[in-house]
Amino acid sequence: SRKQMIADLTETSRALEARKLKIDRVIEALKSEEAAENAEGEPDGQEGEGTSGSDDGSEDLMEDSDESS
């Protein structure tokens, strides 16, 4: 029914909004990290590339588990 479709779409929209907020936080953290690196005078493309995607910790966990298995 249409009511169920509306309810499902509303729920999906809320879930997507929550994911967007998380992504926005990661983007802001990356921008802050980049600004800090630029302030230190570190050239782009050195150590910052390897750690830039791990602000939420999940990527580090994945990498660590891959290396230890």
PDB file of N, CA and C in Angstrom:
ATOM      1  N   SER A   1       0.833  -1.194   0.000  1.00  0.00           N
ATOM      2  CA  SER A   1       0.000   0.000   0.000  1.00  0.00           C
ATOM      3  C   SER A   1       0.872   1.250   0.000  1.00  0.00           C
ATOM      4  N   ARG A   2       0.265   2.350  -0.305  1.00  0.00           N
ATOM      5  CA  ARG A   2       1.011   3.618  -0.333  1.00  0.00           C
ATOM      6  C   ARG A   2       1.495   4.014   1.050  1.00  0.00           C
ATOM      7  N   LYS A   3       0.676   3.776   2.073  1.00  0.00           N
ATOM      8  CA  LYS A   3       1.092   4.143   3.432  1.00  0.00           C
ATOM      9  C   LYS A   3       2.354   3.383   3.831  1.00  0.00           C
ATOM     10  N   GLN A   4       2.409   2.107   3.488  1.00  0.00           N
ATOM     11  CA  GLN A   4       3.594   1.309   3.811  1.00  0.00           C
ATOM     12  C   GLN A   4       4.803   1.801   3.022  1.00  0.00           C
ATOM     13  N   MET A   5       4.578   2.148   1.757  1.00  0.00           N
ATOM     14  CA  MET A   5       5.663   2.664   0.925  1.00  0.00           C
ATOM     15  C   MET A   5       6.201   3.970   1.508  1.00  0.00           C
ATOM     16  N   ILE A   6       5.311   4.836   1.941  1.00  0.00           N
ATOM     17  CA  ILE A   6       5.724   6.108   2.542  1.00  0.00           C
ATOM     18  C   ILE A   6       6.511   5.844   3.821  1.00  0.00           C
ATOM     19  N   ALA A   7       6.032   4.918   4.645  1.00  0.00           N
ATOM     20  CA  ALA A   7       6.732   4.595   5.888  1.00  0.00           C
ATOM     21  C   ALA A   7       8.118   4.028   5.596  1.00  0.00           C
ATOM     22  N   ASP A   8       8.203   3.129   4.613  1.00  0.00           N
ATOM     23  CA  ASP A   8       9.493   2.542   4.251  1.00  0.00           C
ATOM     24  C   ASP A   8      10.462   3.594   3.731  1.00  0.00           C
ATOM     25  N   LEU A   9       9.975   4.474   2.870  1.00  0.00           N
ATOM     26  CA  LEU A   9      10.835   5.520   2.318  1.00  0.00           C
ATOM     27  C   LEU A   9      11.276   6.505   3.394  1.00  0.00           C
ATOM     28  N   THR A  10      10.391   6.810   4.325  1.00  0.00           N
ATOM     29  CA  THR A  10      10.743   7.708   5.423  1.00  0.00           C
ATOM     30  C   THR A  10      11.841   7.086   6.282  1.00  0.00           C
ATOM     31  N   GLU A  11      11.695   5.803   6.578  1.00  0.00           N
ATOM     32  CA  GLU A  11      12.714   5.101   7.362  1.00  0.00           C
ATOM     33  C   GLU A  11      14.048   5.067   6.622  1.00  0.00           C
ATOM     34  N   THR A  12      14.003   4.795   5.337  1.00  0.00           N
ATOM     35  CA  THR A  12      15.221   4.773   4.523  1.00  0.00           C
ATOM     36  C   THR A  12      15.877   6.144   4.496  1.00  0.00           C
ATOM     37  N   SER A  13      15.070   7.176   4.368  1.00  0.00           N
ATOM     38  CA  SER A  13      15.593   8.539   4.343  1.00  0.00           C
ATOM     39  C   SER A  13      16.310   8.870   5.648  1.00  0.00           C
ATOM     40  N   ARG A  14      15.725   8.469   6.769  1.00  0.00           N
ATOM     41  CA  ARG A  14      16.358   8.726   8.070  1.00  0.00           C
ATOM     42  C   ARG A  14      17.683   7.979   8.195  1.00  0.00           C
ATOM     43  N   ALA A  15      17.704   6.738   7.723  1.00  0.00           N
ATOM     44  CA  ALA A  15      18.938   5.950   7.789  1.00  0.00           C
ATOM     45  C   ALA A  15      20.025   6.579   6.924  1.00  0.00           C
ATOM     46  N   LEU A  16      19.647   7.036   5.738  1.00  0.00           N
ATOM     47  CA  LEU A  16      20.618   7.676   4.851  1.00  0.00           C
ATOM     48  C   LEU A  16      21.128   8.982   5.451  1.00  0.00           C
ATOM     49  N   GLU A  17      20.248   9.709   6.117  1.00  0.00           N
ATOM     50  CA  GLU A  17      20.665  10.960   6.754  1.00  0.00           C
ATOM     51  C   GLU A  17      21.702  10.686   7.842  1.00  0.00           C
ATOM     52  N   ALA A  18      21.495   9.632   8.617  1.00  0.00           N
ATOM     53  CA  ALA A  18      22.454   9.275   9.665  1.00  0.00           C
ATOM     54  C   ALA A  18      23.800   8.900   9.053  1.00  0.00           C
ATOM     55  N   ARG A  19      23.779   8.140   7.963  1.00  0.00           N
ATOM     56  CA  ARG A  19      25.029   7.767   7.294  1.00  0.00           C
ATOM     57  C   ARG A  19      25.718   8.999   6.722  1.00  0.00           C
ATOM     58  N   LYS A  20      24.938   9.933   6.174  1.00  0.00           N
ATOM     59  CA  LYS A  20      25.506  11.164   5.622  1.00  0.00           C
ATOM     60  C   LYS A  20      26.211  11.957   6.722  1.00  0.00           C
ATOM     61  N   LEU A  21      25.601  12.036   7.894  1.00  0.00           N
ATOM     62  CA  LEU A  21      26.221  12.768   8.993  1.00  0.00           C
ATOM     63  C   LEU A  21      27.561  12.145   9.382  1.00  0.00           C
ATOM     64  N   LYS A  22      27.625  10.816   9.394  1.00  0.00           N
ATOM     65  CA  LYS A  22      28.892  10.142   9.705  1.00  0.00           C
ATOM     66  C   LYS A  22      29.945  10.460   8.651  1.00  0.00           C
ATOM     67  N   ILE A  23      29.541  10.424   7.394  1.00  0.00           N
ATOM     68  CA  ILE A  23      30.473  10.725   6.300  1.00  0.00           C
ATOM     69  C   ILE A  23      30.939  12.171   6.389  1.00  0.00           C
ATOM     70  N   ASP A  24      30.021  13.079   6.701  1.00  0.00           N
ATOM     71  CA  ASP A  24      30.393  14.485   6.846  1.00  0.00           C
ATOM     72  C   ASP A  24      31.419  14.666   7.961  1.00  0.00           C
ATOM     73  N   ARG A  25      31.273  13.916   9.061  1.00  0.00           N
ATOM     74  CA  ARG A  25      32.245  14.000  10.153  1.00  0.00           C
ATOM     75  C   ARG A  25      33.618  13.511   9.704  1.00  0.00           C
ATOM     76  N   VAL A  26      33.648  12.448   8.924  1.00  0.00           N
ATOM     77  CA  VAL A  26      34.926  11.935   8.416  1.00  0.00           C
ATOM     78  C   VAL A  26      35.569  12.963   7.491  1.00  0.00           C
ATOM     79  N   ILE A  27      34.764  13.586   6.629  1.00  0.00           N
ATOM     80  CA  ILE A  27      35.279  14.614   5.716  1.00  0.00           C
ATOM     81  C   ILE A  27      35.892  15.758   6.511  1.00  0.00           C
ATOM     82  N   GLU A  28      35.189  16.224   7.532  1.00  0.00           N
ATOM     83  CA  GLU A  28      35.706  17.327   8.341  1.00  0.00           C
ATOM     84  C   GLU A  28      36.997  16.925   9.056  1.00  0.00           C
ATOM     85  N   ALA A  29      37.061  15.699   9.548  1.00  0.00           N
ATOM     86  CA  ALA A  29      38.280  15.230  10.211  1.00  0.00           C
ATOM     87  C   ALA A  29      39.439  15.177   9.223  1.00  0.00           C
ATOM     88  N   LEU A  30      39.171  14.722   8.015  1.00  0.00           N
ATOM     89  CA  LEU A  30      40.219  14.672   6.989  1.00  0.00           C
ATOM     90  C   LEU A  30      40.698  16.069   6.626  1.00  0.00           C
ATOM     91  N   LYS A  31      39.768  17.010   6.517  1.00  0.00           N
ATOM     92  CA  LYS A  31      40.154  18.394   6.220  1.00  0.00           C
ATOM     93  C   LYS A  31      41.023  18.956   7.338  1.00  0.00           C
ATOM     94  N   SER A  32      40.652  18.678   8.581  1.00  0.00           N
ATOM     95  CA  SER A  32      41.438  19.160   9.716  1.00  0.00           C
ATOM     96  C   SER A  32      42.828  18.541   9.720  1.00  0.00           C
ATOM     97  N   GLU A  33      42.878  17.235   9.425  1.00  0.00           N
ATOM     98  CA  GLU A  33      44.164  16.540   9.366  1.00  0.00           C
ATOM     99  C   GLU A  33      45.037  17.113   8.262  1.00  0.00           C
ATOM    100  N   GLU A  34      44.445  17.377   7.118  1.00  0.00           N
ATOM    101  CA  GLU A  34      45.196  17.942   5.997  1.00  0.00           C
ATOM    102  C   GLU A  34      45.709  19.333   6.340  1.00  0.00           C
ATOM    103  N   ALA A  35      44.873  20.139   6.982  1.00  0.00           N
ATOM    104  CA  ALA A  35      45.285  21.483   7.363  1.00  0.00           C
ATOM    105  C   ALA A  35      46.439  21.428   8.363  1.00  0.00           C
ATOM    106  N   ALA A  36      46.372  20.482   9.302  1.00  0.00           N
ATOM    107  CA  ALA A  36      47.445  20.340  10.284  1.00  0.00           C
ATOM    108  C   ALA A  36      48.743  19.911   9.608  1.00  0.00           C
ATOM    109  N   GLU A  37      48.638  18.989   8.659  1.00  0.00           N
ATOM    110  CA  GLU A  37      49.831  18.542   7.942  1.00  0.00           C
ATOM    111  C   GLU A  37      50.433  19.675   7.122  1.00  0.00           C
ATOM    112  N   ASN A  38      49.579  20.460   6.476  1.00  0.00           N
ATOM    113  CA  ASN A  38      50.072  21.585   5.686  1.00  0.00           C
ATOM    114  C   ASN A  38      50.722  22.628   6.583  1.00  0.00           C
ATOM    115  N   ALA A  39      50.196  22.809   7.780  1.00  0.00           N
ATOM    116  CA  ALA A  39      50.773  23.764   8.719  1.00  0.00           C
ATOM    117  C   ALA A  39      52.150  23.296   9.184  1.00  0.00           C
ATOM    118  N   GLU A  40      52.341  21.992   9.272  1.00  0.00           N
ATOM    119  CA  GLU A  40      53.635  21.440   9.671  1.00  0.00           C
ATOM    120  C   GLU A  40      54.637  21.464   8.528  1.00  0.00           C
ATOM    121  N   GLY A  41      54.170  21.717   7.318  1.00  0.00           N
ATOM    122  CA  GLY A  41      55.053  21.775   6.172  1.00  0.00           C
ATOM    123  C   GLY A  41      55.299  20.431   5.520  1.00  0.00           C
ATOM    124  N   GLU A  42      54.488  19.432   5.869  1.00  0.00           N
ATOM    125  CA  GLU A  42      54.648  18.108   5.256  1.00  0.00           C
ATOM    126  C   GLU A  42      54.112  18.141   3.834  1.00  0.00           C
ATOM    127  N   PRO A  43      54.909  17.727   2.855  1.00  0.00           N
ATOM    128  CA  PRO A  43      54.422  17.719   1.471  1.00  0.00           C
ATOM    129  C   PRO A  43      53.271  16.739   1.294  1.00  0.00           C
ATOM    130  N   ASP A  44      52.353  17.069   0.385  1.00  0.00           N
ATOM    131  CA  ASP A  44      51.233  16.179   0.101  1.00  0.00           C
ATOM    132  C   ASP A  44      51.736  14.856  -0.439  1.00  0.00           C
ATOM    133  N   GLY A  45      51.028  13.781  -0.088  1.00  0.00           N
ATOM    134  CA  GLY A  45      51.342  12.487  -0.653  1.00  0.00           C
ATOM    135  C   GLY A  45      52.349  11.671   0.129  1.00  0.00           C
ATOM    136  N   GLN A  46      52.800  12.164   1.274  1.00  0.00           N
ATOM    137  CA  GLN A  46      53.724  11.338   2.054  1.00  0.00           C
ATOM    138  C   GLN A  46      52.932  10.502   3.047  1.00  0.00           C
ATOM    139  N   GLU A  47      53.228  10.590   4.311  1.00  0.00           N
ATOM    140  CA  GLU A  47      52.623   9.708   5.294  1.00  0.00           C
ATOM    141  C   GLU A  47      51.125   9.908   5.441  1.00  0.00           C
ATOM    142  N   GLY A  48      50.610  11.089   5.175  1.00  0.00           N
ATOM    143  CA  GLY A  48      49.195  11.377   5.346  1.00  0.00           C
ATOM    144  C   GLY A  48      48.287  10.471   4.551  1.00  0.00           C
ATOM    145  N   GLU A  49      48.730  10.000   3.393  1.00  0.00           N
ATOM    146  CA  GLU A  49      47.881   9.156   2.564  1.00  0.00           C
ATOM    147  C   GLU A  49      47.559   7.837   3.234  1.00  0.00           C
ATOM    148  N   GLY A  50      48.489   7.252   3.926  1.00  0.00           N
ATOM    149  CA  GLY A  50      48.271   5.950   4.530  1.00  0.00           C
ATOM    150  C   GLY A  50      47.314   5.969   5.701  1.00  0.00           C
ATOM    151  N   THR A  51      47.187   7.115   6.374  1.00  0.00           N
ATOM    152  CA  THR A  51      46.360   7.168   7.569  1.00  0.00           C
ATOM    153  C   THR A  51      45.100   7.984   7.386  1.00  0.00           C
ATOM    154  N   SER A  52      44.919   8.615   6.256  1.00  0.00           N
ATOM    155  CA  SER A  52      43.818   9.560   6.111  1.00  0.00           C
ATOM    156  C   SER A  52      42.450   8.912   6.179  1.00  0.00           C
ATOM    157  N   GLY A  53      42.295   7.644   5.840  1.00  0.00           N
ATOM    158  CA  GLY A  53      40.983   7.024   5.821  1.00  0.00           C
ATOM    159  C   GLY A  53      40.609   6.333   7.110  1.00  0.00           C
ATOM    160  N   SER A  54      41.389   6.479   8.164  1.00  0.00           N
ATOM    161  CA  SER A  54      41.164   5.683   9.356  1.00  0.00           C
ATOM    162  C   SER A  54      40.655   6.503  10.533  1.00  0.00           C
ATOM    163  N   ASP A  55      40.040   7.626  10.293  1.00  0.00           N
ATOM    164  CA  ASP A  55      39.572   8.459  11.389  1.00  0.00           C
ATOM    165  C   ASP A  55      38.527   7.771  12.247  1.00  0.00           C
ATOM    166  N   ASP A  56      37.710   6.914  11.652  1.00  0.00           N
ATOM    167  CA  ASP A  56      36.693   6.230  12.434  1.00  0.00           C
ATOM    168  C   ASP A  56      37.199   4.933  13.050  1.00  0.00           C
ATOM    169  N   GLY A  57      38.419   4.524  12.747  1.00  0.00           N
ATOM    170  CA  GLY A  57      39.022   3.348  13.336  1.00  0.00           C
ATOM    171  C   GLY A  57      38.696   2.055  12.633  1.00  0.00           C
ATOM    172  N   SER A  58      37.664   2.025  11.824  1.00  0.00           N
ATOM    173  CA  SER A  58      37.265   0.766  11.195  1.00  0.00           C
ATOM    174  C   SER A  58      38.289   0.294  10.180  1.00  0.00           C
ATOM    175  N   GLU A  59      38.891   1.208   9.444  1.00  0.00           N
ATOM    176  CA  GLU A  59      39.870   0.797   8.442  1.00  0.00           C
ATOM    177  C   GLU A  59      41.108   0.218   9.120  1.00  0.00           C
ATOM    178  N   ASP A  60      41.528   0.816  10.236  1.00  0.00           N
ATOM    179  CA  ASP A  60      42.667   0.287  10.967  1.00  0.00           C
ATOM    180  C   ASP A  60      42.392  -1.131  11.446  1.00  0.00           C
ATOM    181  N   LEU A  61      41.186  -1.374  11.959  1.00  0.00           N
ATOM    182  CA  LEU A  61      40.841  -2.705  12.428  1.00  0.00           C
ATOM    183  C   LEU A  61      40.897  -3.708  11.292  1.00  0.00           C
ATOM    184  N   MET A  62      40.397  -3.327  10.143  1.00  0.00           N
ATOM    185  CA  MET A  62      40.413  -4.214   8.992  1.00  0.00           C
ATOM    186  C   MET A  62      41.850  -4.524   8.585  1.00  0.00           C
ATOM    187  N   GLU A  63      42.688  -3.494   8.539  1.00  0.00           N
ATOM    188  CA  GLU A  63      44.074  -3.707   8.145  1.00  0.00           C
ATOM    189  C   GLU A  63      44.794  -4.581   9.161  1.00  0.00           C
ATOM    190  N   ASP A  64      44.568  -4.312  10.455  1.00  0.00           N
ATOM    191  CA  ASP A  64      45.228  -5.092  11.487  1.00  0.00           C
ATOM    192  C   ASP A  64      44.806  -6.551  11.429  1.00  0.00           C
ATOM    193  N   SER A  65      43.519  -6.795  11.238  1.00  0.00           N
ATOM    194  CA  SER A  65      43.051  -8.177  11.213  1.00  0.00           C
ATOM    195  C   SER A  65      43.576  -8.909   9.987  1.00  0.00           C
ATOM    196  N   ASP A  66      43.722  -8.210   8.863  1.00  0.00           N
ATOM    197  CA  ASP A  66      44.266  -8.841   7.671  1.00  0.00           C
ATOM    198  C   ASP A  66      45.728  -9.224   7.880  1.00  0.00           C
ATOM    199  N   GLU A  67      46.465  -8.346   8.540  1.00  0.00           N
ATOM    200  CA  GLU A  67      47.882  -8.604   8.738  1.00  0.00           C
ATOM    201  C   GLU A  67      48.114  -9.733   9.734  1.00  0.00           C
ATOM    202  N   SER A  68      47.245  -9.865  10.727  1.00  0.00           N
ATOM    203  CA  SER A  68      47.465 -10.860  11.768  1.00  0.00           C
ATOM    204  C   SER A  68      46.933 -12.231  11.394  1.00  0.00           C
ATOM    205  N   SER A  69      46.117 -12.324  10.352  1.00  0.00           N
ATOM    206  CA  SER A  69      45.559 -13.637  10.011  1.00  0.00           C
ATOM    207  C   SER A  69      46.434 -14.418   9.074  1.00  0.00           C
TER     208      SER A  69
END
